[in-house]
Amino acid sequence: MNKTIIKSMDILNLFTKYPKLSLNEMVELSGKPKTSIHRVVKTFEEIGFFEQDEEGSYQLGLLFLKYGQLVLERLDLHKVAYPFMKSLYEQTGENIILTIRDGDESINIASIESDQPVKIRSKIGERTPLYAGAPSRIILAFLDDVEIKEYIARTSLRKLADDTITDQNELLRSLDDAREKGYCYSLSEIQNLGVGIAAPIFNHNGKIIAGLSIAGLHTHFTDEKTPMVIEKVKETAKELSVKLGYEIS
């Protein structure tokens, strides 16, 4: 393992026991040379991991609070969402995926995989551009207009499968359609012949925080079954949003 990383973690671990430490205290507690401790501390201060008070002592910076809050939100979301995901799986028999935004991508943080012999794979940790596929695009659709405009301006719409959206105007129409209908549908955008149907999950502030989706092979989504699946996804996402404190107007 990289020695610099180990040394850095040794310094960070001191703050699990002490809220504030001076440079000399870190040297004494860690038993490491002052020059190397000083380099680590100054680097952490520059990137926002550490803050120095008026007395010269260091404490964890606001960046750590941000990361900690994100971890708590994602863990809580996973825990709260699972019963809803399980119920949706039992009603449909298809892959159920919980997706959140991570920068300009979505990331799967939880999934229940279908036991059908031929199926679409949905790996936890898998990342997808926000413009591609229903599980990602449902999140993009419910961002505010400024965020959407800025995202489209800086993003190259690359083709990932046969029917990935690569035209900005088509993408905008798809986002408008998703907001109007309350769900997003995709076919062959991430994997050829793969269908995604996703609905938004909102928090207590009415902000989009995740997407709940069903994914499977196109042959599983007949004209008779698809409308039922759409309503089930929308209904379950709405129930989960309410559970998270969202007030339906």
C-alpha atoms as a PDB file:
ATOM      1  CA  MET A   1       0.000   0.000   0.000  1.00  0.00           C
ATOM      2  CA  ASN A   2       1.218   3.560  -0.733  1.00  0.00           C
ATOM      3  CA  LYS A   3       3.188   4.860   2.264  1.00  0.00           C
ATOM      4  CA  THR A   4       1.999   8.445   1.780  1.00  0.00           C
ATOM      5  CA  ILE A   5      -1.632   7.324   1.940  1.00  0.00           C
ATOM      6  CA  ILE A   6      -0.935   5.279   5.080  1.00  0.00           C
ATOM      7  CA  LYS A   7       0.762   8.262   6.688  1.00  0.00           C
ATOM      8  CA  SER A   8      -2.144  10.527   5.747  1.00  0.00           C
ATOM      9  CA  MET A   9      -4.701   8.086   7.153  1.00  0.00           C
ATOM     10  CA  ASP A  10      -2.733   7.866  10.396  1.00  0.00           C
ATOM     11  CA  ILE A  11      -3.118  11.627  10.791  1.00  0.00           C
ATOM     12  CA  LEU A  12      -6.821  11.570   9.919  1.00  0.00           C
ATOM     13  CA  ASN A  13      -7.470   8.761  12.377  1.00  0.00           C
ATOM     14  CA  LEU A  14      -6.212  10.953  15.230  1.00  0.00           C
ATOM     15  CA  PHE A  15      -9.311  13.105  14.729  1.00  0.00           C
ATOM     16  CA  THR A  16     -11.607  10.198  15.562  1.00  0.00           C
ATOM     17  CA  LYS A  17     -10.426  10.674  19.158  1.00  0.00           C
ATOM     18  CA  TYR A  18      -9.541  14.369  19.306  1.00  0.00           C
ATOM     19  CA  PRO A  19     -11.707  17.244  17.973  1.00  0.00           C
ATOM     20  CA  LYS A  20      -8.712  19.591  17.685  1.00  0.00           C
ATOM     21  CA  LEU A  21      -4.955  19.102  17.538  1.00  0.00           C
ATOM     22  CA  SER A  22      -1.933  21.322  17.119  1.00  0.00           C
ATOM     23  CA  LEU A  23       0.877  20.358  14.765  1.00  0.00           C
ATOM     24  CA  ASN A  24       3.092  19.433  17.720  1.00  0.00           C
ATOM     25  CA  GLU A  25       0.350  17.280  19.229  1.00  0.00           C
ATOM     26  CA  MET A  26      -0.037  15.405  15.947  1.00  0.00           C
ATOM     27  CA  VAL A  27       3.712  14.808  15.867  1.00  0.00           C
ATOM     28  CA  GLU A  28       3.709  13.540  19.435  1.00  0.00           C
ATOM     29  CA  LEU A  29       0.682  11.283  19.021  1.00  0.00           C
ATOM     30  CA  SER A  30       1.747   9.836  15.673  1.00  0.00           C
ATOM     31  CA  GLY A  31       5.431   9.466  16.406  1.00  0.00           C
ATOM     32  CA  LYS A  32       6.275  10.679  12.915  1.00  0.00           C
ATOM     33  CA  PRO A  33       8.754  13.402  11.844  1.00  0.00           C
ATOM     34  CA  LYS A  34       7.455  16.952  12.108  1.00  0.00           C
ATOM     35  CA  THR A  35       8.426  17.808   8.524  1.00  0.00           C
ATOM     36  CA  SER A  36       6.359  14.984   7.037  1.00  0.00           C
ATOM     37  CA  ILE A  37       3.396  15.748   9.325  1.00  0.00           C
ATOM     38  CA  HIS A  38       3.600  19.390   8.293  1.00  0.00           C
ATOM     39  CA  ARG A  39       3.423  18.477   4.580  1.00  0.00           C
ATOM     40  CA  VAL A  40       0.381  16.277   5.098  1.00  0.00           C
ATOM     41  CA  VAL A  41      -1.414  18.859   7.233  1.00  0.00           C
ATOM     42  CA  LYS A  42      -0.781  21.704   4.782  1.00  0.00           C
ATOM     43  CA  THR A  43      -2.021  19.566   1.885  1.00  0.00           C
ATOM     44  CA  PHE A  44      -5.173  18.677   3.805  1.00  0.00           C
ATOM     45  CA  GLU A  45      -5.698  22.339   4.653  1.00  0.00           C
ATOM     46  CA  GLU A  46      -5.374  23.364   0.998  1.00  0.00           C
ATOM     47  CA  ILE A  47      -7.988  20.866  -0.209  1.00  0.00           C
ATOM     48  CA  GLY A  48     -10.416  21.591   2.632  1.00  0.00           C
ATOM     49  CA  PHE A  49      -9.949  18.510   4.770  1.00  0.00           C
ATOM     50  CA  PHE A  50      -8.506  20.564   7.650  1.00  0.00           C
ATOM     51  CA  GLU A  51      -9.256  24.017   9.044  1.00  0.00           C
ATOM     52  CA  GLN A  52      -7.036  25.989  11.402  1.00  0.00           C
ATOM     53  CA  ASP A  53      -8.481  28.046  14.241  1.00  0.00           C
ATOM     54  CA  GLU A  54      -7.215  31.312  15.728  1.00  0.00           C
ATOM     55  CA  GLU A  55      -5.043  29.437  18.228  1.00  0.00           C
ATOM     56  CA  GLY A  56      -3.300  27.465  15.495  1.00  0.00           C
ATOM     57  CA  SER A  57      -4.980  24.125  16.175  1.00  0.00           C
ATOM     58  CA  TYR A  58      -6.474  22.033  13.385  1.00  0.00           C
ATOM     59  CA  GLN A  59      -9.887  20.420  13.064  1.00  0.00           C
ATOM     60  CA  LEU A  60     -11.720  18.564  10.320  1.00  0.00           C
ATOM     61  CA  GLY A  61     -12.976  20.933   7.625  1.00  0.00           C
ATOM     62  CA  LEU A  62     -16.430  21.456   6.205  1.00  0.00           C
ATOM     63  CA  LEU A  63     -15.578  19.190   3.284  1.00  0.00           C
ATOM     64  CA  PHE A  64     -15.654  16.243   5.674  1.00  0.00           C
ATOM     65  CA  LEU A  65     -19.070  17.300   6.912  1.00  0.00           C
ATOM     66  CA  LYS A  66     -20.269  17.353   3.311  1.00  0.00           C
ATOM     67  CA  TYR A  67     -18.908  13.872   2.649  1.00  0.00           C
ATOM     68  CA  GLY A  68     -20.320  12.593   5.911  1.00  0.00           C
ATOM     69  CA  GLN A  69     -23.756  13.956   5.107  1.00  0.00           C
ATOM     70  CA  LEU A  70     -23.680  12.342   1.675  1.00  0.00           C
ATOM     71  CA  VAL A  71     -22.779   8.982   3.179  1.00  0.00           C
ATOM     72  CA  LEU A  72     -25.584   9.226   5.731  1.00  0.00           C
ATOM     73  CA  GLU A  73     -28.122  10.237   3.092  1.00  0.00           C
ATOM     74  CA  ARG A  74     -27.138   7.372   0.806  1.00  0.00           C
ATOM     75  CA  LEU A  75     -27.147   4.781   3.576  1.00  0.00           C
ATOM     76  CA  ASP A  76     -30.518   5.983   4.850  1.00  0.00           C
ATOM     77  CA  LEU A  77     -31.953   6.059   1.336  1.00  0.00           C
ATOM     78  CA  HIS A  78     -30.815   2.494   0.679  1.00  0.00           C
ATOM     79  CA  LYS A  79     -32.305   1.303   3.976  1.00  0.00           C
ATOM     80  CA  VAL A  80     -35.627   3.092   3.510  1.00  0.00           C
ATOM     81  CA  ALA A  81     -35.932   2.168  -0.166  1.00  0.00           C
ATOM     82  CA  TYR A  82     -35.311  -1.558   0.075  1.00  0.00           C
ATOM     83  CA  PRO A  83     -38.831  -2.649   1.190  1.00  0.00           C
ATOM     84  CA  PHE A  84     -40.333  -0.584  -1.629  1.00  0.00           C
ATOM     85  CA  MET A  85     -37.909  -2.097  -4.126  1.00  0.00           C
ATOM     86  CA  LYS A  86     -38.710  -5.603  -2.911  1.00  0.00           C
ATOM     87  CA  SER A  87     -42.441  -4.998  -3.251  1.00  0.00           C
ATOM     88  CA  LEU A  88     -41.969  -3.654  -6.785  1.00  0.00           C
ATOM     89  CA  TYR A  89     -39.866  -6.680  -7.695  1.00  0.00           C
ATOM     90  CA  GLU A  90     -42.510  -9.063  -6.371  1.00  0.00           C
ATOM     91  CA  GLN A  91     -45.144  -7.328  -8.493  1.00  0.00           C
ATOM     92  CA  THR A  92     -43.138  -7.233 -11.727  1.00  0.00           C
ATOM     93  CA  GLY A  93     -40.362  -9.846 -11.619  1.00  0.00           C
ATOM     94  CA  GLU A  94     -37.900  -7.492 -13.318  1.00  0.00           C
ATOM     95  CA  ASN A  95     -34.645  -5.877 -12.180  1.00  0.00           C
ATOM     96  CA  ILE A  96     -35.240  -3.060  -9.716  1.00  0.00           C
ATOM     97  CA  ILE A  97     -32.579  -0.340  -9.526  1.00  0.00           C
ATOM     98  CA  LEU A  98     -32.054   2.605  -7.184  1.00  0.00           C
ATOM     99  CA  THR A  99     -29.960   5.318  -8.807  1.00  0.00           C
ATOM    100  CA  ILE A 100     -28.527   8.590  -7.533  1.00  0.00           C
ATOM    101  CA  ARG A 101     -26.641  11.446  -9.132  1.00  0.00           C
ATOM    102  CA  ASP A 102     -22.888  11.676  -8.784  1.00  0.00           C
ATOM    103  CA  GLY A 103     -21.687  14.704 -10.716  1.00  0.00           C
ATOM    104  CA  ASP A 104     -22.509  14.290 -14.400  1.00  0.00           C
ATOM    105  CA  GLU A 105     -23.257  10.601 -13.964  1.00  0.00           C
ATOM    106  CA  SER A 106     -25.727   8.372 -12.197  1.00  0.00           C
ATOM    107  CA  ILE A 107     -24.593   5.519 -10.003  1.00  0.00           C
ATOM    108  CA  ASN A 108     -26.525   2.414  -8.987  1.00  0.00           C
ATOM    109  CA  ILE A 109     -26.522   2.206  -5.191  1.00  0.00           C
ATOM    110  CA  ALA A 110     -28.939  -0.706  -4.785  1.00  0.00           C
ATOM    111  CA  SER A 111     -30.574  -3.317  -6.972  1.00  0.00           C
ATOM    112  CA  ILE A 112     -32.673  -6.441  -6.891  1.00  0.00           C
ATOM    113  CA  GLU A 113     -31.834  -8.660  -9.816  1.00  0.00           C
ATOM    114  CA  SER A 114     -34.416 -10.742 -11.631  1.00  0.00           C
ATOM    115  CA  ASP A 115     -34.122 -14.512 -11.458  1.00  0.00           C
ATOM    116  CA  GLN A 116     -35.144 -14.866 -15.094  1.00  0.00           C
ATOM    117  CA  PRO A 117     -32.693 -16.964 -17.137  1.00  0.00           C
ATOM    118  CA  VAL A 118     -32.144 -14.218 -19.728  1.00  0.00           C
ATOM    119  CA  LYS A 119     -31.963 -10.726 -18.287  1.00  0.00           C
ATOM    120  CA  ILE A 120     -30.345  -7.319 -18.211  1.00  0.00           C
ATOM    121  CA  ARG A 121     -27.506  -6.975 -15.731  1.00  0.00           C
ATOM    122  CA  SER A 122     -27.627  -4.146 -13.174  1.00  0.00           C
ATOM    123  CA  LYS A 123     -24.468  -3.896 -11.093  1.00  0.00           C
ATOM    124  CA  ILE A 124     -24.211  -1.872  -7.898  1.00  0.00           C
ATOM    125  CA  GLY A 125     -21.665   0.884  -8.472  1.00  0.00           C
ATOM    126  CA  GLU A 126     -22.280   0.990 -12.215  1.00  0.00           C
ATOM    127  CA  ARG A 127     -22.098   4.517 -13.625  1.00  0.00           C
ATOM    128  CA  THR A 128     -23.949   5.972 -16.581  1.00  0.00           C
ATOM    129  CA  PRO A 129     -24.030   9.473 -18.140  1.00  0.00           C
ATOM    130  CA  LEU A 130     -27.097  11.405 -16.978  1.00  0.00           C
ATOM    131  CA  TYR A 131     -28.435  11.730 -20.525  1.00  0.00           C
ATOM    132  CA  ALA A 132     -28.463   8.001 -21.301  1.00  0.00           C
ATOM    133  CA  GLY A 133     -31.168   5.557 -20.255  1.00  0.00           C
ATOM    134  CA  ALA A 134     -34.234   6.008 -18.078  1.00  0.00           C
ATOM    135  CA  PRO A 135     -32.548   5.383 -14.675  1.00  0.00           C
ATOM    136  CA  SER A 136     -30.168   8.295 -15.331  1.00  0.00           C
ATOM    137  CA  ARG A 137     -32.336  10.634 -17.390  1.00  0.00           C
ATOM    138  CA  ILE A 138     -35.162  10.694 -14.846  1.00  0.00           C
ATOM    139  CA  ILE A 139     -32.729  12.426 -12.472  1.00  0.00           C
ATOM    140  CA  LEU A 140     -31.602  14.896 -15.120  1.00  0.00           C
ATOM    141  CA  ALA A 141     -35.213  15.656 -16.041  1.00  0.00           C
ATOM    142  CA  PHE A 142     -36.086  16.916 -12.567  1.00  0.00           C
ATOM    143  CA  LEU A 143     -33.038  19.109 -11.978  1.00  0.00           C
ATOM    144  CA  ASP A 144     -33.709  22.826 -12.239  1.00  0.00           C
ATOM    145  CA  ASP A 145     -33.594  24.441 -15.659  1.00  0.00           C
ATOM    146  CA  VAL A 146     -30.262  26.159 -15.085  1.00  0.00           C
ATOM    147  CA  GLU A 147     -28.556  22.900 -14.095  1.00  0.00           C
ATOM    148  CA  ILE A 148     -30.000  21.135 -17.114  1.00  0.00           C
ATOM    149  CA  LYS A 149     -28.870  23.889 -19.471  1.00  0.00           C
ATOM    150  CA  GLU A 150     -25.338  23.908 -18.026  1.00  0.00           C
ATOM    151  CA  TYR A 151     -25.127  20.107 -18.139  1.00  0.00           C
ATOM    152  CA  ILE A 152     -26.149  19.909 -21.799  1.00  0.00           C
ATOM    153  CA  ALA A 153     -23.737  22.709 -22.738  1.00  0.00           C
ATOM    154  CA  ARG A 154     -20.728  20.884 -21.302  1.00  0.00           C
ATOM    155  CA  THR A 155     -21.680  17.321 -22.235  1.00  0.00           C
ATOM    156  CA  SER A 156     -20.837  15.390 -25.365  1.00  0.00           C
ATOM    157  CA  LEU A 157     -23.709  13.025 -26.134  1.00  0.00           C
ATOM    158  CA  ARG A 158     -21.857   9.843 -27.026  1.00  0.00           C
ATOM    159  CA  LYS A 159     -23.536   6.783 -28.485  1.00  0.00           C
ATOM    160  CA  LEU A 160     -23.511   3.881 -26.016  1.00  0.00           C
ATOM    161  CA  ALA A 161     -25.983   1.554 -27.756  1.00  0.00           C
ATOM    162  CA  ASP A 162     -28.144   1.526 -30.878  1.00  0.00           C
ATOM    163  CA  ASP A 163     -30.669   4.135 -29.698  1.00  0.00           C
ATOM    164  CA  THR A 164     -28.726   6.334 -27.306  1.00  0.00           C
ATOM    165  CA  ILE A 165     -29.905   9.936 -27.589  1.00  0.00           C
ATOM    166  CA  THR A 166     -27.116  11.955 -29.219  1.00  0.00           C
ATOM    167  CA  ASP A 167     -29.058  15.038 -30.331  1.00  0.00           C
ATOM    168  CA  GLN A 168     -29.524  17.924 -27.880  1.00  0.00           C
ATOM    169  CA  ASN A 169     -32.995  18.841 -29.120  1.00  0.00           C
ATOM    170  CA  GLU A 170     -34.154  15.245 -28.833  1.00  0.00           C
ATOM    171  CA  LEU A 171     -32.741  15.104 -25.314  1.00  0.00           C
ATOM    172  CA  LEU A 172     -34.607  18.267 -24.319  1.00  0.00           C
ATOM    173  CA  ARG A 173     -37.851  16.849 -25.713  1.00  0.00           C
ATOM    174  CA  SER A 174     -37.286  13.651 -23.744  1.00  0.00           C
ATOM    175  CA  LEU A 175     -36.719  15.622 -20.531  1.00  0.00           C
ATOM    176  CA  ASP A 176     -39.888  17.651 -21.082  1.00  0.00           C
ATOM    177  CA  ASP A 177     -41.823  14.454 -21.728  1.00  0.00           C
ATOM    178  CA  ALA A 178     -40.493  12.852 -18.538  1.00  0.00           C
ATOM    179  CA  ARG A 179     -41.487  15.851 -16.422  1.00  0.00           C
ATOM    180  CA  GLU A 180     -44.943  15.959 -17.965  1.00  0.00           C
ATOM    181  CA  LYS A 181     -45.656  12.225 -17.588  1.00  0.00           C
ATOM    182  CA  GLY A 182     -43.790  11.626 -14.330  1.00  0.00           C
ATOM    183  CA  TYR A 183     -41.653   8.819 -15.696  1.00  0.00           C
ATOM    184  CA  CYS A 184     -38.959   8.102 -18.263  1.00  0.00           C
ATOM    185  CA  TYR A 185     -38.869   5.242 -20.774  1.00  0.00           C
ATOM    186  CA  SER A 186     -35.812   4.067 -22.685  1.00  0.00           C
ATOM    187  CA  LEU A 187     -35.033   1.276 -25.147  1.00  0.00           C
ATOM    188  CA  SER A 188     -31.576   0.219 -26.340  1.00  0.00           C
ATOM    189  CA  GLU A 189     -29.844   3.274 -24.890  1.00  0.00           C
ATOM    190  CA  ILE A 190     -27.379   1.571 -22.536  1.00  0.00           C
ATOM    191  CA  GLN A 191     -27.659  -2.047 -23.637  1.00  0.00           C
ATOM    192  CA  ASN A 192     -29.194  -3.100 -26.934  1.00  0.00           C
ATOM    193  CA  LEU A 193     -32.733  -4.454 -26.498  1.00  0.00           C
ATOM    194  CA  GLY A 194     -32.764  -3.354 -22.874  1.00  0.00           C
ATOM    195  CA  VAL A 195     -35.778  -1.426 -21.554  1.00  0.00           C
ATOM    196  CA  GLY A 196     -35.695   1.002 -18.643  1.00  0.00           C
ATOM    197  CA  ILE A 197     -38.699   2.612 -16.953  1.00  0.00           C
ATOM    198  CA  ALA A 198     -37.899   5.079 -14.166  1.00  0.00           C
ATOM    199  CA  ALA A 199     -39.717   7.475 -11.851  1.00  0.00           C
ATOM    200  CA  PRO A 200     -38.314  10.259  -9.638  1.00  0.00           C
ATOM    201  CA  ILE A 201     -37.780  10.134  -5.883  1.00  0.00           C
ATOM    202  CA  PHE A 202     -37.984  13.463  -4.034  1.00  0.00           C
ATOM    203  CA  ASN A 203     -36.875  14.468  -0.541  1.00  0.00           C
ATOM    204  CA  HIS A 204     -38.651  16.612   2.051  1.00  0.00           C
ATOM    205  CA  ASN A 205     -37.521  19.754   0.230  1.00  0.00           C
ATOM    206  CA  GLY A 206     -39.056  18.609  -3.026  1.00  0.00           C
ATOM    207  CA  LYS A 207     -35.650  18.050  -4.600  1.00  0.00           C
ATOM    208  CA  ILE A 208     -34.886  15.080  -6.828  1.00  0.00           C
ATOM    209  CA  ILE A 209     -32.526  12.763  -4.942  1.00  0.00           C
ATOM    210  CA  ALA A 210     -32.817   9.465  -6.812  1.00  0.00           C
ATOM    211  CA  GLY A 211     -34.504   7.454  -9.493  1.00  0.00           C
ATOM    212  CA  LEU A 212     -36.360   4.182  -9.035  1.00  0.00           C
ATOM    213  CA  SER A 213     -36.418   2.033 -12.120  1.00  0.00           C
ATOM    214  CA  ILE A 214     -37.302  -1.290 -13.632  1.00  0.00           C
ATOM    215  CA  ALA A 215     -35.013  -2.779 -16.263  1.00  0.00           C
ATOM    216  CA  GLY A 216     -35.344  -5.837 -18.444  1.00  0.00           C
ATOM    217  CA  LEU A 217     -35.259  -7.220 -21.957  1.00  0.00           C
ATOM    218  CA  HIS A 218     -37.678  -5.658 -24.406  1.00  0.00           C
ATOM    219  CA  THR A 219     -39.425  -9.007 -24.908  1.00  0.00           C
ATOM    220  CA  HIS A 220     -40.616  -8.851 -21.290  1.00  0.00           C
ATOM    221  CA  PHE A 221     -42.450  -5.563 -21.862  1.00  0.00           C
ATOM    222  CA  THR A 222     -45.500  -6.395 -23.930  1.00  0.00           C
ATOM    223  CA  ASP A 223     -48.185  -3.860 -24.867  1.00  0.00           C
ATOM    224  CA  GLU A 224     -50.335  -5.340 -22.114  1.00  0.00           C
ATOM    225  CA  LYS A 225     -47.655  -5.378 -19.404  1.00  0.00           C
ATOM    226  CA  THR A 226     -45.884  -2.046 -19.988  1.00  0.00           C
ATOM    227  CA  PRO A 227     -48.697   0.311 -18.836  1.00  0.00           C
ATOM    228  CA  MET A 228     -49.031  -1.699 -15.609  1.00  0.00           C
ATOM    229  CA  VAL A 229     -45.288  -1.543 -14.987  1.00  0.00           C
ATOM    230  CA  ILE A 230     -45.224   2.217 -15.585  1.00  0.00           C
ATOM    231  CA  GLU A 231     -47.968   2.796 -13.031  1.00  0.00           C
ATOM    232  CA  LYS A 232     -46.312   0.494 -10.497  1.00  0.00           C
ATOM    233  CA  VAL A 233     -42.987   2.309 -10.799  1.00  0.00           C
ATOM    234  CA  LYS A 234     -44.610   5.739 -10.505  1.00  0.00           C
ATOM    235  CA  GLU A 235     -46.755   4.654  -7.577  1.00  0.00           C
ATOM    236  CA  THR A 236     -43.849   3.067  -5.697  1.00  0.00           C
ATOM    237  CA  ALA A 237     -41.554   6.060  -6.282  1.00  0.00           C
ATOM    238  CA  LYS A 238     -44.269   8.371  -4.985  1.00  0.00           C
ATOM    239  CA  GLU A 239     -44.803   6.250  -1.868  1.00  0.00           C
ATOM    240  CA  LEU A 240     -41.061   6.215  -1.215  1.00  0.00           C
ATOM    241  CA  SER A 241     -40.862   9.986  -1.665  1.00  0.00           C
ATOM    242  CA  VAL A 242     -43.647  10.455   0.891  1.00  0.00           C
ATOM    243  CA  LYS A 243     -41.777   8.165   3.263  1.00  0.00           C
ATOM    244  CA  LEU A 244     -38.782  10.493   2.893  1.00  0.00           C
ATOM    245  CA  GLY A 245     -40.895  13.514   3.829  1.00  0.00           C
ATOM    246  CA  TYR A 246     -42.028  14.722   0.429  1.00  0.00           C
ATOM    247  CA  GLU A 247     -45.416  16.441   0.481  1.00  0.00           C
ATOM    248  CA  ILE A 248     -47.581  15.811  -2.560  1.00  0.00           C
ATOM    249  CA  SER A 249     -49.428  18.967  -3.568  1.00  0.00           C
END
